[in-house]
Amino acid sequence: SVCQWHKGYGGLPGWLRSCLHPLMDWPGCLGVISAHGLAGLILCLGPQSGPARQSALAVLVITAALWRLRSVALAVYGAEQVRGIVALALLLQSFAPASRFVGAVALAFLAVVTAGIYLGSGLLKRRQPEWRNGTALVRLLRVEVMGHPPAARWLERFPVAARLAAWFVLLFQISFPLALVH
């Protein structure tokens, strides 16, 4: 169910769960989903600065954090978590839009977080035999929504190519922090 608690977060303190209960259980969760969507719409169509934009960014940060506590499609993929991080950096920058320093700090924050995400993902993949032998990449590419099934079929026919492609992904992710060095 869209509004079901993630099993891993059952250990939240009771007072916190009782505070979040109206927002995160049915039907309150629909309000959180709607607020998230409305905030995104305001960011796309609304003013590029000012209180409306700051409010929309704050709503995105809060709803991303709330959904992180949930087992829903919105929080399953890292993209939702990254969207929350980007919204946080943009929100912080929006309080001093003319400041080059604040803009540089927000950009540096995003760069370090991105490098850390890639490095962590690569190191985790490196520990898995399926990534080292290429079968995990083939399995990922088979997924209709995010993959590319024709590429998966081709790599299944050429296991050496699958292994090399998987190692390319690993090396790219592990070496991504080098992008911070200019």
Protein backbone atom coordinates (compact mmCIF):
# COMPACT_ATOMS: atom_id res chain seq x y z
CA SER A 1 0.00 0.00 0.00
CA VAL A 2 1.19 3.52 -0.76
CA CYS A 3 0.67 4.61 2.84
CA GLN A 4 2.21 1.72 4.75
CA TRP A 5 5.13 2.17 7.16
CA HIS A 6 8.49 0.86 5.99
CA LYS A 7 9.43 -2.11 8.19
CA GLY A 8 12.92 -0.74 8.79
CA TYR A 9 11.55 2.38 10.48
CA GLY A 10 9.30 0.64 12.98
CA GLY A 11 11.90 1.57 15.61
CA LEU A 12 11.01 5.27 15.50
CA PRO A 13 10.16 6.64 18.95
CA GLY A 14 6.46 6.37 19.72
CA TRP A 15 6.03 10.14 20.13
CA LEU A 16 7.48 10.71 16.64
CA ARG A 17 5.31 8.04 15.05
CA SER A 18 2.22 9.52 16.75
CA CYS A 19 3.13 12.99 15.42
CA LEU A 20 3.66 11.67 11.89
CA HIS A 21 0.64 9.34 11.95
CA PRO A 22 -1.91 11.91 10.67
CA LEU A 23 0.38 12.84 7.78
CA MET A 24 1.69 9.46 6.82
CA ASP A 25 -1.24 7.09 7.25
CA TRP A 26 -4.28 6.90 5.04
CA PRO A 27 -5.73 9.32 3.92
CA GLY A 28 -3.28 11.94 5.21
CA CYS A 29 -0.51 10.56 3.01
CA LEU A 30 -2.44 11.76 -0.03
CA GLY A 31 -2.02 15.30 1.27
CA VAL A 32 1.75 14.82 1.48
CA ILE A 33 1.84 13.42 -2.07
CA SER A 34 -0.31 16.33 -3.29
CA ALA A 35 1.87 18.91 -1.50
CA HIS A 36 4.97 17.38 -3.10
CA GLY A 37 3.42 17.54 -6.57
CA LEU A 38 2.10 21.09 -6.08
CA ALA A 39 5.53 22.25 -4.88
CA GLY A 40 7.10 20.77 -8.01
CA LEU A 41 4.51 22.53 -10.17
CA ILE A 42 5.20 25.86 -8.45
CA LEU A 43 8.93 25.40 -9.04
CA CYS A 44 8.36 24.69 -12.72
CA LEU A 45 5.76 27.38 -13.45
CA GLY A 46 6.14 29.91 -10.65
CA PRO A 47 8.53 32.76 -10.00
CA GLN A 48 12.26 32.07 -10.06
CA SER A 49 12.83 33.82 -6.73
CA GLY A 50 10.94 34.99 -3.70
CA PRO A 51 8.75 33.51 -0.98
CA ALA A 52 6.70 31.25 -3.28
CA ARG A 53 9.83 29.54 -4.56
CA GLN A 54 11.33 29.27 -1.06
CA SER A 55 8.10 27.76 0.26
CA ALA A 56 7.94 25.25 -2.60
CA LEU A 57 11.56 24.24 -1.99
CA ALA A 58 10.88 23.84 1.74
CA VAL A 59 7.87 21.63 0.98
CA LEU A 60 10.01 19.47 -1.32
CA VAL A 61 12.68 19.09 1.37
CA ILE A 62 10.12 18.16 4.03
CA THR A 63 8.11 15.76 1.86
CA ALA A 64 11.28 14.07 0.59
CA ALA A 65 12.35 13.52 4.21
CA LEU A 66 8.89 12.20 5.14
CA TRP A 67 8.81 9.83 2.19
CA ARG A 68 12.23 8.55 3.13
CA LEU A 69 10.45 7.07 6.16
CA ARG A 70 8.03 5.25 3.90
CA SER A 71 8.14 2.20 1.67
CA VAL A 72 6.66 3.75 -1.43
CA ALA A 73 7.64 4.11 -5.05
CA LEU A 74 8.57 7.76 -4.45
CA ALA A 75 11.38 6.80 -2.06
CA VAL A 76 12.53 3.48 -3.48
CA TYR A 77 14.92 5.03 -5.96
CA GLY A 78 17.83 7.26 -5.06
CA ALA A 79 16.49 9.92 -7.41
CA GLU A 80 13.88 10.98 -4.85
CA GLN A 81 16.53 11.29 -2.17
CA VAL A 82 18.76 13.30 -4.50
CA ARG A 83 15.81 15.55 -5.38
CA GLY A 84 15.45 16.30 -1.66
CA ILE A 85 19.16 17.10 -1.38
CA VAL A 86 19.06 19.37 -4.43
CA ALA A 87 15.95 21.10 -3.06
CA LEU A 88 17.76 21.66 0.24
CA ALA A 89 20.77 23.22 -1.52
CA LEU A 90 18.51 25.42 -3.65
CA LEU A 91 16.51 26.44 -0.59
CA LEU A 92 19.65 27.48 1.28
CA GLN A 93 20.90 29.40 -1.76
CA SER A 94 17.53 31.13 -2.17
CA PHE A 95 17.99 33.00 1.10
CA ALA A 96 20.96 34.88 -0.37
CA PRO A 97 20.51 34.72 -4.17
CA ALA A 98 22.99 37.55 -4.85
CA SER A 99 25.75 36.01 -2.76
CA ARG A 100 28.39 34.29 -4.86
CA PHE A 101 29.72 32.67 -1.68
CA VAL A 102 26.39 31.06 -0.78
CA GLY A 103 25.97 29.89 -4.38
CA ALA A 104 29.47 28.39 -4.35
CA VAL A 105 28.82 26.63 -1.03
CA ALA A 106 25.51 25.20 -2.33
CA LEU A 107 27.23 23.99 -5.51
CA ALA A 108 30.13 22.51 -3.52
CA PHE A 109 27.63 20.75 -1.24
CA LEU A 110 25.89 19.19 -4.25
CA ALA A 111 29.20 18.17 -5.80
CA VAL A 112 30.43 16.46 -2.63
CA VAL A 113 27.10 14.70 -2.05
CA THR A 114 26.98 13.52 -5.67
CA ALA A 115 30.56 12.24 -5.52
CA GLY A 116 29.77 10.44 -2.26
CA ILE A 117 26.66 8.83 -3.73
CA TYR A 118 28.57 7.53 -6.74
CA LEU A 119 31.50 6.35 -4.63
CA GLY A 120 29.25 4.57 -2.13
CA SER A 121 27.22 2.93 -4.87
CA GLY A 122 30.34 1.75 -6.67
CA LEU A 123 31.92 0.35 -3.50
CA LEU A 124 28.73 -1.52 -2.63
CA LYS A 125 28.51 -2.94 -6.15
CA ARG A 126 32.18 -3.94 -6.03
CA ARG A 127 31.44 -6.25 -3.08
CA GLN A 128 28.75 -8.14 -5.03
CA PRO A 129 29.91 -11.04 -7.23
CA GLU A 130 26.97 -10.38 -9.61
CA TRP A 131 28.40 -6.96 -10.41
CA ARG A 132 31.93 -8.25 -10.80
CA ASN A 133 30.83 -10.95 -13.27
CA GLY A 134 28.38 -8.72 -15.18
CA THR A 135 25.11 -10.52 -14.42
CA ALA A 136 23.75 -7.69 -12.24
CA LEU A 137 24.14 -5.20 -15.09
CA VAL A 138 22.30 -7.54 -17.45
CA ARG A 139 19.53 -8.00 -14.86
CA LEU A 140 19.25 -4.21 -14.41
CA LEU A 141 19.07 -3.63 -18.15
CA ARG A 142 16.24 -6.20 -18.44
CA VAL A 143 13.93 -3.94 -16.39
CA GLU A 144 11.41 -2.27 -18.70
CA VAL A 145 11.02 0.96 -16.70
CA MET A 146 14.68 1.93 -16.20
CA GLY A 147 16.59 -0.54 -18.32
CA HIS A 148 17.17 -1.30 -21.95
CA PRO A 149 16.04 -4.88 -22.73
CA PRO A 150 17.70 -5.05 -26.20
CA ALA A 151 21.06 -4.17 -24.58
CA ALA A 152 20.44 -6.84 -21.94
CA ARG A 153 19.80 -9.46 -24.64
CA TRP A 154 22.98 -8.43 -26.47
CA LEU A 155 25.08 -8.61 -23.30
CA GLU A 156 23.61 -12.03 -22.49
CA ARG A 157 25.02 -13.28 -25.81
CA PHE A 158 28.44 -11.77 -25.02
CA PRO A 159 29.24 -12.39 -21.33
CA VAL A 160 32.75 -10.94 -21.65
CA ALA A 161 31.23 -7.67 -22.87
CA ALA A 162 28.78 -7.76 -19.95
CA ARG A 163 31.64 -8.21 -17.50
CA LEU A 164 33.64 -5.36 -19.08
CA ALA A 165 30.60 -3.06 -19.11
CA ALA A 166 29.87 -3.83 -15.45
CA TRP A 167 33.48 -3.09 -14.52
CA PHE A 168 33.25 0.18 -16.47
CA VAL A 169 30.21 1.12 -14.33
CA LEU A 170 32.12 0.17 -11.16
CA LEU A 171 35.23 2.13 -12.13
CA PHE A 172 33.18 5.15 -13.22
CA GLN A 173 31.29 5.24 -9.92
CA ILE A 174 34.32 4.60 -7.72
CA SER A 175 36.43 7.18 -9.51
CA PHE A 176 33.68 9.83 -9.62
CA PRO A 177 35.12 11.77 -6.65
CA LEU A 178 38.07 12.61 -8.92
CA ALA A 179 35.66 14.99 -10.66
CA LEU A 180 36.00 17.23 -7.58
CA VAL A 181 39.67 17.77 -8.35
CA HIS A 182 40.36 20.46 -10.89
